[in-house]
Full PDB file with SEQRES, HELIX, SHEET, SSBOND, CRYST1, ORIGX, SCALE, CONECT and MASTER records, all heavy atoms in Angstrom:
SEQRES   1 A   36  ALA GLY GLY SER LEU ARG LEU SER CYS ALA VAL SER GLY          
SEQRES   2 A   36  ARG THR PHE SER ASN LYS ALA MET GLY TRP PHE ARG GLN          
SEQRES   3 A   36  ALA PRO GLY LYS GLU ARG ALA PHE VAL ALA                      
SHEET    1 AA1 2 PHE A  24  ARG A  25  0                                        
SHEET    2 AA1 2 ALA A  33  PHE A  34 -1                                        
CRYST1    1.000    1.000    1.000  90.00  90.00  90.00 P 1           1          
ORIGX1      1.000000  0.000000  0.000000        0.00000                         
ORIGX2      0.000000  1.000000  0.000000        0.00000                         
ORIGX3      0.000000  0.000000  1.000000        0.00000                         
SCALE1      1.000000  0.000000  0.000000        0.00000                         
SCALE2      0.000000  1.000000  0.000000        0.00000                         
SCALE3      0.000000  0.000000  1.000000        0.00000                         
ATOM      1  N   ALA A   1     -55.161 102.597  16.683  1.00  0.00           N  
ATOM      2  CA  ALA A   1     -55.244 102.454  18.204  1.00  0.00           C  
ATOM      3  C   ALA A   1     -55.178 103.870  18.745  1.00  0.00           C  
ATOM      4  O   ALA A   1     -54.348 104.725  18.342  1.00  0.00           O  
ATOM      5  CB  ALA A   1     -54.099 101.622  18.723  1.00  0.00           C  
ATOM      6  N   GLY A   2     -55.968 104.077  19.791  1.00  0.00           N  
ATOM      7  CA  GLY A   2     -56.118 105.419  20.408  1.00  0.00           C  
ATOM      8  C   GLY A   2     -57.157 106.296  19.776  1.00  0.00           C  
ATOM      9  O   GLY A   2     -57.487 107.375  20.382  1.00  0.00           O  
ATOM     10  N   GLY A   3     -57.690 105.903  18.638  1.00  0.00           N  
ATOM     11  CA  GLY A   3     -58.680 106.754  17.910  1.00  0.00           C  
ATOM     12  C   GLY A   3     -60.057 106.502  18.486  1.00  0.00           C  
ATOM     13  O   GLY A   3     -60.250 105.793  19.439  1.00  0.00           O  
ATOM     14  N   SER A   4     -61.017 107.189  17.787  1.00  0.00           N  
ATOM     15  CA  SER A   4     -62.384 107.070  18.233  1.00  0.00           C  
ATOM     16  C   SER A   4     -63.331 106.822  17.046  1.00  0.00           C  
ATOM     17  O   SER A   4     -62.990 107.095  15.881  1.00  0.00           O  
ATOM     18  CB  SER A   4     -62.824 108.427  18.774  1.00  0.00           C  
ATOM     19  OG  SER A   4     -62.085 108.774  19.994  1.00  0.00           O  
ATOM     20  N   LEU A   5     -64.447 106.184  17.327  1.00  0.00           N  
ATOM     21  CA  LEU A   5     -65.513 105.968  16.393  1.00  0.00           C  
ATOM     22  C   LEU A   5     -66.818 106.126  17.155  1.00  0.00           C  
ATOM     23  O   LEU A   5     -66.884 105.848  18.359  1.00  0.00           O  
ATOM     24  CB  LEU A   5     -65.463 104.556  15.803  1.00  0.00           C  
ATOM     25  CG  LEU A   5     -64.465 104.270  14.729  1.00  0.00           C  
ATOM     26  CD1 LEU A   5     -64.501 102.723  14.356  1.00  0.00           C  
ATOM     27  CD2 LEU A   5     -64.673 105.011  13.467  1.00  0.00           C  
ATOM     28  N   ARG A   6     -67.862 106.530  16.437  1.00  0.00           N  
ATOM     29  CA  ARG A   6     -69.211 106.547  17.029  1.00  0.00           C  
ATOM     30  C   ARG A   6     -70.118 105.651  16.064  1.00  0.00           C  
ATOM     31  O   ARG A   6     -70.313 105.917  14.974  1.00  0.00           O  
ATOM     32  CB  ARG A   6     -69.839 107.970  17.080  1.00  0.00           C  
ATOM     33  CG  ARG A   6     -71.128 107.940  17.911  1.00  0.00           C  
ATOM     34  CD  ARG A   6     -71.651 109.302  18.127  1.00  0.00           C  
ATOM     35  NE  ARG A   6     -72.415 109.830  16.981  1.00  0.00           N  
ATOM     36  CZ  ARG A   6     -73.421 110.694  17.064  1.00  0.00           C  
ATOM     37  NH1 ARG A   6     -73.794 111.165  18.305  1.00  0.00           N  
ATOM     38  NH2 ARG A   6     -74.106 111.140  15.980  1.00  0.00           N  
ATOM     39  N   LEU A   7     -70.621 104.578  16.772  1.00  0.00           N  
ATOM     40  CA  LEU A   7     -71.548 103.764  16.095  1.00  0.00           C  
ATOM     41  C   LEU A   7     -72.978 104.255  16.319  1.00  0.00           C  
ATOM     42  O   LEU A   7     -73.301 104.779  17.409  1.00  0.00           O  
ATOM     43  CB  LEU A   7     -71.463 102.315  16.627  1.00  0.00           C  
ATOM     44  CG  LEU A   7     -70.065 101.697  16.519  1.00  0.00           C  
ATOM     45  CD1 LEU A   7     -70.177 100.199  17.008  1.00  0.00           C  
ATOM     46  CD2 LEU A   7     -69.452 101.750  15.204  1.00  0.00           C  
ATOM     47  N   SER A   8     -73.793 104.106  15.339  1.00  0.00           N  
ATOM     48  CA  SER A   8     -75.230 104.444  15.513  1.00  0.00           C  
ATOM     49  C   SER A   8     -76.062 103.159  15.138  1.00  0.00           C  
ATOM     50  O   SER A   8     -75.674 102.340  14.357  1.00  0.00           O  
ATOM     51  CB  SER A   8     -75.625 105.539  14.494  1.00  0.00           C  
ATOM     52  OG  SER A   8     -74.879 106.721  14.744  1.00  0.00           O  
ATOM     53  N   CYS A   9     -77.240 103.132  15.733  1.00  0.00           N  
ATOM     54  CA  CYS A   9     -78.152 102.055  15.438  1.00  0.00           C  
ATOM     55  C   CYS A   9     -79.548 102.693  15.284  1.00  0.00           C  
ATOM     56  O   CYS A   9     -80.147 103.213  16.269  1.00  0.00           O  
ATOM     57  CB  CYS A   9     -78.167 101.037  16.502  1.00  0.00           C  
ATOM     58  SG  CYS A   9     -79.466  99.767  16.374  1.00  0.00           S  
ATOM     59  N   ALA A  10     -80.030 102.667  14.044  1.00  0.00           N  
ATOM     60  CA  ALA A  10     -81.410 103.255  13.748  1.00  0.00           C  
ATOM     61  C   ALA A  10     -82.392 102.159  13.875  1.00  0.00           C  
ATOM     62  O   ALA A  10     -82.231 101.104  13.281  1.00  0.00           O  
ATOM     63  CB  ALA A  10     -81.372 103.852  12.396  1.00  0.00           C  
ATOM     64  N   VAL A  11     -83.465 102.415  14.581  1.00  0.00           N  
ATOM     65  CA  VAL A  11     -84.543 101.460  14.868  1.00  0.00           C  
ATOM     66  C   VAL A  11     -85.774 101.941  14.118  1.00  0.00           C  
ATOM     67  O   VAL A  11     -86.241 103.068  14.301  1.00  0.00           O  
ATOM     68  CB  VAL A  11     -84.771 101.243  16.363  1.00  0.00           C  
ATOM     69  CG1 VAL A  11     -85.846 100.247  16.615  1.00  0.00           C  
ATOM     70  CG2 VAL A  11     -83.499 100.885  17.031  1.00  0.00           C  
ATOM     71  N   SER A  12     -86.412 101.062  13.447  1.00  0.00           N  
ATOM     72  CA  SER A  12     -87.682 101.375  12.795  1.00  0.00           C  
ATOM     73  C   SER A  12     -88.692 100.215  12.922  1.00  0.00           C  
ATOM     74  O   SER A  12     -88.280  99.144  13.318  1.00  0.00           O  
ATOM     75  CB  SER A  12     -87.416 101.689  11.304  1.00  0.00           C  
ATOM     76  OG  SER A  12     -86.912 100.527  10.667  1.00  0.00           O  
ATOM     77  N   GLY A  13     -89.893 100.495  12.605  1.00  0.00           N  
ATOM     78  CA  GLY A  13     -90.906  99.438  12.565  1.00  0.00           C  
ATOM     79  C   GLY A  13     -91.901  99.539  13.683  1.00  0.00           C  
ATOM     80  O   GLY A  13     -93.107  99.343  13.454  1.00  0.00           O  
ATOM     81  N   ARG A  14     -91.454  99.769  14.908  1.00  0.00           N  
ATOM     82  CA  ARG A  14     -92.347  99.819  16.039  1.00  0.00           C  
ATOM     83  C   ARG A  14     -91.804 100.853  16.995  1.00  0.00           C  
ATOM     84  O   ARG A  14     -90.784 101.438  16.809  1.00  0.00           O  
ATOM     85  CB  ARG A  14     -92.584  98.464  16.639  1.00  0.00           C  
ATOM     86  CG  ARG A  14     -93.452  97.577  15.829  1.00  0.00           C  
ATOM     87  CD  ARG A  14     -94.047  96.513  16.614  1.00  0.00           C  
ATOM     88  NE  ARG A  14     -94.896  95.629  15.874  1.00  0.00           N  
ATOM     89  CZ  ARG A  14     -95.456  94.538  16.287  1.00  0.00           C  
ATOM     90  NH1 ARG A  14     -95.214  94.096  17.427  1.00  0.00           N  
ATOM     91  NH2 ARG A  14     -96.270  93.816  15.506  1.00  0.00           N  
ATOM     92  N   THR A  15     -92.570 101.115  18.070  1.00  0.00           N  
ATOM     93  CA  THR A  15     -92.195 102.095  19.090  1.00  0.00           C  
ATOM     94  C   THR A  15     -90.702 101.801  19.522  1.00  0.00           C  
ATOM     95  O   THR A  15     -90.436 100.734  19.955  1.00  0.00           O  
ATOM     96  CB  THR A  15     -93.174 102.072  20.215  1.00  0.00           C  
ATOM     97  OG1 THR A  15     -94.450 102.240  19.756  1.00  0.00           O  
ATOM     98  CG2 THR A  15     -92.796 103.110  21.239  1.00  0.00           C  
ATOM     99  N   PHE A  16     -89.934 102.902  19.527  1.00  0.00           N  
ATOM    100  CA  PHE A  16     -88.578 102.720  19.954  1.00  0.00           C  
ATOM    101  C   PHE A  16     -88.463 103.030  21.432  1.00  0.00           C  
ATOM    102  O   PHE A  16     -87.654 102.480  22.174  1.00  0.00           O  
ATOM    103  CB  PHE A  16     -87.758 103.703  19.153  1.00  0.00           C  
ATOM    104  CG  PHE A  16     -86.308 103.796  19.654  1.00  0.00           C  
ATOM    105  CD1 PHE A  16     -85.439 102.708  19.522  1.00  0.00           C  
ATOM    106  CD2 PHE A  16     -85.752 104.985  20.288  1.00  0.00           C  
ATOM    107  CE1 PHE A  16     -84.101 102.771  19.923  1.00  0.00           C  
ATOM    108  CE2 PHE A  16     -84.469 105.057  20.708  1.00  0.00           C  
ATOM    109  CZ  PHE A  16     -83.603 103.964  20.504  1.00  0.00           C  
ATOM    110  N   SER A  17     -89.363 103.927  21.961  1.00  0.00           N  
ATOM    111  CA  SER A  17     -89.105 104.305  23.333  1.00  0.00           C  
ATOM    112  C   SER A  17     -89.324 103.337  24.350  1.00  0.00           C  
ATOM    113  O   SER A  17     -88.869 103.472  25.482  1.00  0.00           O  
ATOM    114  CB  SER A  17     -90.007 105.639  23.647  1.00  0.00           C  
ATOM    115  OG  SER A  17     -91.369 105.271  23.434  1.00  0.00           O  
ATOM    116  N   ASN A  18     -90.086 102.209  24.069  1.00  0.00           N  
ATOM    117  CA  ASN A  18     -90.272 101.226  25.029  1.00  0.00           C  
ATOM    118  C   ASN A  18     -89.257 100.074  24.812  1.00  0.00           C  
ATOM    119  O   ASN A  18     -89.585  98.864  25.057  1.00  0.00           O  
ATOM    120  CB  ASN A  18     -91.690 100.670  25.092  1.00  0.00           C  
ATOM    121  CG  ASN A  18     -92.036  99.913  23.838  1.00  0.00           C  
ATOM    122  OD1 ASN A  18     -91.466 100.100  22.812  1.00  0.00           O  
ATOM    123  ND2 ASN A  18     -93.023  99.051  23.972  1.00  0.00           N  
ATOM    124  N   LYS A  19     -88.150 100.398  24.213  1.00  0.00           N  
ATOM    125  CA  LYS A  19     -87.148  99.365  23.954  1.00  0.00           C  
ATOM    126  C   LYS A  19     -85.857  99.613  24.818  1.00  0.00           C  
ATOM    127  O   LYS A  19     -85.273 100.669  24.641  1.00  0.00           O  
ATOM    128  CB  LYS A  19     -86.735  99.305  22.484  1.00  0.00           C  
ATOM    129  CG  LYS A  19     -87.836  99.082  21.539  1.00  0.00           C  
ATOM    130  CD  LYS A  19     -88.328  97.689  21.511  1.00  0.00           C  
ATOM    131  CE  LYS A  19     -89.328  97.401  20.423  1.00  0.00           C  
ATOM    132  NZ  LYS A  19     -90.541  98.130  20.548  1.00  0.00           N  
ATOM    133  N   ALA A  20     -85.496  98.698  25.611  1.00  0.00           N  
ATOM    134  CA  ALA A  20     -84.124  98.667  26.201  1.00  0.00           C  
ATOM    135  C   ALA A  20     -83.156  98.306  25.080  1.00  0.00           C  
ATOM    136  O   ALA A  20     -83.500  97.380  24.277  1.00  0.00           O  
ATOM    137  CB  ALA A  20     -84.062  97.741  27.380  1.00  0.00           C  
ATOM    138  N   MET A  21     -81.991  98.895  25.071  1.00  0.00           N  
ATOM    139  CA  MET A  21     -81.079  98.626  23.967  1.00  0.00           C  
ATOM    140  C   MET A  21     -79.751  98.218  24.513  1.00  0.00           C  
ATOM    141  O   MET A  21     -79.324  98.468  25.617  1.00  0.00           O  
ATOM    142  CB  MET A  21     -80.886  99.913  23.174  1.00  0.00           C  
ATOM    143  CG  MET A  21     -82.119 100.492  22.612  1.00  0.00           C  
ATOM    144  SD  MET A  21     -82.906  99.465  21.336  1.00  0.00           S  
ATOM    145  CE  MET A  21     -81.667  99.402  20.094  1.00  0.00           C  
ATOM    146  N   GLY A  22     -79.002  97.389  23.657  1.00  0.00           N  
ATOM    147  CA  GLY A  22     -77.733  96.974  24.043  1.00  0.00           C  
ATOM    148  C   GLY A  22     -76.789  96.897  22.776  1.00  0.00           C  
ATOM    149  O   GLY A  22     -77.239  96.834  21.650  1.00  0.00           O  
ATOM    150  N   TRP A  23     -75.565  96.962  23.063  1.00  0.00           N  
ATOM    151  CA  TRP A  23     -74.472  96.754  22.068  1.00  0.00           C  
ATOM    152  C   TRP A  23     -73.656  95.468  22.467  1.00  0.00           C  
ATOM    153  O   TRP A  23     -73.349  95.286  23.675  1.00  0.00           O  
ATOM    154  CB  TRP A  23     -73.546  97.919  22.037  1.00  0.00           C  
ATOM    155  CG  TRP A  23     -74.117  99.132  21.296  1.00  0.00           C  
ATOM    156  CD1 TRP A  23     -74.683 100.206  21.830  1.00  0.00           C  
ATOM    157  CD2 TRP A  23     -74.161  99.300  19.862  1.00  0.00           C  
ATOM    158  NE1 TRP A  23     -75.072 101.055  20.874  1.00  0.00           N  
ATOM    159  CE2 TRP A  23     -74.688 100.588  19.646  1.00  0.00           C  
ATOM    160  CE3 TRP A  23     -73.694  98.630  18.729  1.00  0.00           C  
ATOM    161  CZ2 TRP A  23     -74.901 101.092  18.383  1.00  0.00           C  
ATOM    162  CZ3 TRP A  23     -73.859  99.088  17.478  1.00  0.00           C  
ATOM    163  CH2 TRP A  23     -74.480 100.352  17.351  1.00  0.00           C  
ATOM    164  N   PHE A  24     -73.453  94.620  21.484  1.00  0.00           N  
ATOM    165  CA  PHE A  24     -72.661  93.443  21.625  1.00  0.00           C  
ATOM    166  C   PHE A  24     -71.587  93.466  20.566  1.00  0.00           C  
ATOM    167  O   PHE A  24     -71.665  94.111  19.589  1.00  0.00           O  
ATOM    168  CB  PHE A  24     -73.481  92.176  21.518  1.00  0.00           C  
ATOM    169  CG  PHE A  24     -74.460  91.993  22.722  1.00  0.00           C  
ATOM    170  CD1 PHE A  24     -75.632  92.767  22.811  1.00  0.00           C  
ATOM    171  CD2 PHE A  24     -74.192  91.058  23.667  1.00  0.00           C  
ATOM    172  CE1 PHE A  24     -76.467  92.647  23.841  1.00  0.00           C  
ATOM    173  CE2 PHE A  24     -75.103  90.857  24.705  1.00  0.00           C  
ATOM    174  CZ  PHE A  24     -76.181  91.683  24.819  1.00  0.00           C  
ATOM    175  N   ARG A  25     -70.561  92.613  20.766  1.00  0.00           N  
ATOM    176  CA  ARG A  25     -69.499  92.507  19.704  1.00  0.00           C  
ATOM    177  C   ARG A  25     -69.133  91.017  19.659  1.00  0.00           C  
ATOM    178  O   ARG A  25     -69.128  90.285  20.592  1.00  0.00           O  
ATOM    179  CB  ARG A  25     -68.363  93.398  20.003  1.00  0.00           C  
ATOM    180  CG  ARG A  25     -67.515  93.105  21.228  1.00  0.00           C  
ATOM    181  CD  ARG A  25     -66.537  94.191  21.482  1.00  0.00           C  
ATOM    182  NE  ARG A  25     -65.663  93.916  22.634  1.00  0.00           N  
ATOM    183  CZ  ARG A  25     -64.751  94.799  23.117  1.00  0.00           C  
ATOM    184  NH1 ARG A  25     -64.591  95.954  22.573  1.00  0.00           N  
ATOM    185  NH2 ARG A  25     -64.069  94.508  24.219  1.00  0.00           N  
ATOM    186  N   GLN A  26     -68.650  90.715  18.442  1.00  0.00           N  
ATOM    187  CA  GLN A  26     -68.139  89.399  18.218  1.00  0.00           C  
ATOM    188  C   GLN A  26     -66.890  89.415  17.404  1.00  0.00           C  
ATOM    189  O   GLN A  26     -66.891  89.949  16.234  1.00  0.00           O  
ATOM    190  CB  GLN A  26     -69.199  88.552  17.471  1.00  0.00           C  
ATOM    191  CG  GLN A  26     -68.852  87.112  17.364  1.00  0.00           C  
ATOM    192  CD  GLN A  26     -70.043  86.273  16.937  1.00  0.00           C  
ATOM    193  OE1 GLN A  26     -71.067  86.767  16.460  1.00  0.00           O  
ATOM    194  NE2 GLN A  26     -69.964  84.965  17.026  1.00  0.00           N  
ATOM    195  N   ALA A  27     -65.806  89.023  17.974  1.00  0.00           N  
ATOM    196  CA  ALA A  27     -64.512  88.946  17.281  1.00  0.00           C  
ATOM    197  C   ALA A  27     -64.413  87.524  16.652  1.00  0.00           C  
ATOM    198  O   ALA A  27     -65.120  86.631  17.020  1.00  0.00           O  
ATOM    199  CB  ALA A  27     -63.391  89.047  18.325  1.00  0.00           C  
ATOM    200  N   PRO A  28     -63.515  87.480  15.605  1.00  0.00           N  
ATOM    201  CA  PRO A  28     -63.432  86.157  14.838  1.00  0.00           C  
ATOM    202  C   PRO A  28     -63.110  85.041  15.789  1.00  0.00           C  
ATOM    203  O   PRO A  28     -62.205  85.095  16.606  1.00  0.00           O  
ATOM    204  CB  PRO A  28     -62.308  86.494  13.888  1.00  0.00           C  
ATOM    205  CG  PRO A  28     -62.310  87.947  13.674  1.00  0.00           C  
ATOM    206  CD  PRO A  28     -62.766  88.530  14.956  1.00  0.00           C  
ATOM    207  N   GLY A  29     -63.876  83.949  15.710  1.00  0.00           N  
ATOM    208  CA  GLY A  29     -63.625  82.777  16.491  1.00  0.00           C  
ATOM    209  C   GLY A  29     -64.100  82.866  17.963  1.00  0.00           C  
ATOM    210  O   GLY A  29     -63.854  81.979  18.707  1.00  0.00           O  
ATOM    211  N   LYS A  30     -64.721  83.918  18.278  1.00  0.00           N  
ATOM    212  CA  LYS A  30     -65.185  84.101  19.655  1.00  0.00           C  
ATOM    213  C   LYS A  30     -66.733  84.235  19.750  1.00  0.00           C  
ATOM    214  O   LYS A  30     -67.439  84.515  18.775  1.00  0.00           O  
ATOM    215  CB  LYS A  30     -64.525  85.330  20.260  1.00  0.00           C  
ATOM    216  CG  LYS A  30     -63.065  85.201  20.437  1.00  0.00           C  
ATOM    217  CD  LYS A  30     -62.487  86.355  21.271  1.00  0.00           C  
ATOM    218  CE  LYS A  30     -60.959  86.111  21.507  1.00  0.00           C  
ATOM    219  NZ  LYS A  30     -60.412  87.274  22.359  1.00  0.00           N  
ATOM    220  N   GLU A  31     -67.203  84.051  20.948  1.00  0.00           N  
ATOM    221  CA  GLU A  31     -68.691  84.239  21.209  1.00  0.00           C  
ATOM    222  C   GLU A  31     -69.007  85.678  21.195  1.00  0.00           C  
ATOM    223  O   GLU A  31     -68.202  86.578  21.381  1.00  0.00           O  
ATOM    224  CB  GLU A  31     -69.030  83.670  22.572  1.00  0.00           C  
ATOM    225  CG  GLU A  31     -68.803  82.178  22.723  1.00  0.00           C  
ATOM    226  CD  GLU A  31     -69.960  81.409  22.171  1.00  0.00           C  
ATOM    227  OE1 GLU A  31     -71.102  81.892  22.194  1.00  0.00           O  
ATOM    228  OE2 GLU A  31     -69.721  80.277  21.638  1.00  0.00           O  
ATOM    229  N   ARG A  32     -70.306  85.987  20.856  1.00  0.00           N  
ATOM    230  CA  ARG A  32     -70.780  87.326  20.900  1.00  0.00           C  
ATOM    231  C   ARG A  32     -70.825  87.759  22.403  1.00  0.00           C  
ATOM    232  O   ARG A  32     -71.326  87.082  23.254  1.00  0.00           O  
ATOM    233  CB  ARG A  32     -72.226  87.426  20.311  1.00  0.00           C  
ATOM    234  CG  ARG A  32     -72.644  88.829  20.071  1.00  0.00           C  
ATOM    235  CD  ARG A  32     -73.967  88.864  19.243  1.00  0.00           C  
ATOM    236  NE  ARG A  32     -73.709  88.289  17.856  1.00  0.00           N  
ATOM    237  CZ  ARG A  32     -74.644  88.357  16.928  1.00  0.00           C  
ATOM    238  NH1 ARG A  32     -75.756  88.897  17.080  1.00  0.00           N  
ATOM    239  NH2 ARG A  32     -74.379  87.820  15.741  1.00  0.00           N  
ATOM    240  N   ALA A  33     -70.268  88.918  22.661  1.00  0.00           N  
ATOM    241  CA  ALA A  33     -70.119  89.382  24.046  1.00  0.00           C  
ATOM    242  C   ALA A  33     -70.733  90.703  24.278  1.00  0.00           C  
ATOM    243  O   ALA A  33     -70.805  91.615  23.412  1.00  0.00           O  
ATOM    244  CB  ALA A  33     -68.592  89.436  24.347  1.00  0.00           C  
ATOM    245  N   PHE A  34     -71.224  90.886  25.498  1.00  0.00           N  
ATOM    246  CA  PHE A  34     -71.856  92.161  25.897  1.00  0.00           C  
ATOM    247  C   PHE A  34     -70.891  93.279  25.931  1.00  0.00           C  
ATOM    248  O   PHE A  34     -69.772  93.148  26.376  1.00  0.00           O  
ATOM    249  CB  PHE A  34     -72.513  91.920  27.282  1.00  0.00           C  
ATOM    250  CG  PHE A  34     -72.916  93.122  27.922  1.00  0.00           C  
ATOM    251  CD1 PHE A  34     -74.143  93.807  27.527  1.00  0.00           C  
ATOM    252  CD2 PHE A  34     -72.235  93.810  28.950  1.00  0.00           C  
ATOM    253  CE1 PHE A  34     -74.548  94.967  28.125  1.00  0.00           C  
ATOM    254  CE2 PHE A  34     -72.577  94.972  29.525  1.00  0.00           C  
ATOM    255  CZ  PHE A  34     -73.828  95.576  29.135  1.00  0.00           C  
ATOM    256  N   VAL A  35     -71.298  94.423  25.472  1.00  0.00           N  
ATOM    257  CA  VAL A  35     -70.481  95.676  25.518  1.00  0.00           C  
ATOM    258  C   VAL A  35     -71.110  96.708  26.407  1.00  0.00           C  
ATOM    259  O   VAL A  35     -70.456  97.248  27.336  1.00  0.00           O  
ATOM    260  CB  VAL A  35     -70.268  96.228  24.089  1.00  0.00           C  
ATOM    261  CG1 VAL A  35     -69.467  97.534  24.174  1.00  0.00           C  
ATOM    262  CG2 VAL A  35     -69.560  95.221  23.243  1.00  0.00           C  
ATOM    263  N   ALA A  36     -72.335  97.048  26.093  1.00  0.00           N  
ATOM    264  CA  ALA A  36     -72.980  98.119  26.881  1.00  0.00           C  
ATOM    265  C   ALA A  36     -74.534  98.014  26.739  1.00  0.00           C  
ATOM    266  O   ALA A  36     -75.030  97.464  25.768  1.00  0.00           O  
ATOM    267  CB  ALA A  36     -72.537  99.554  26.336  1.00  0.00           C  
TER     268      ALA A  36                                                      
MASTER        0    0    0    0    2    0    0    6  267    1    0    3          
END                                                                             
């Protein structure tokens, strides 16, 4: 607690620049929720 992490998401296959992106998270027993 109090620390930091940086997540990365590499996208391949088709044009990346016309993609809006999002991060979601899912805790055990919970629905997948919007983050950013």
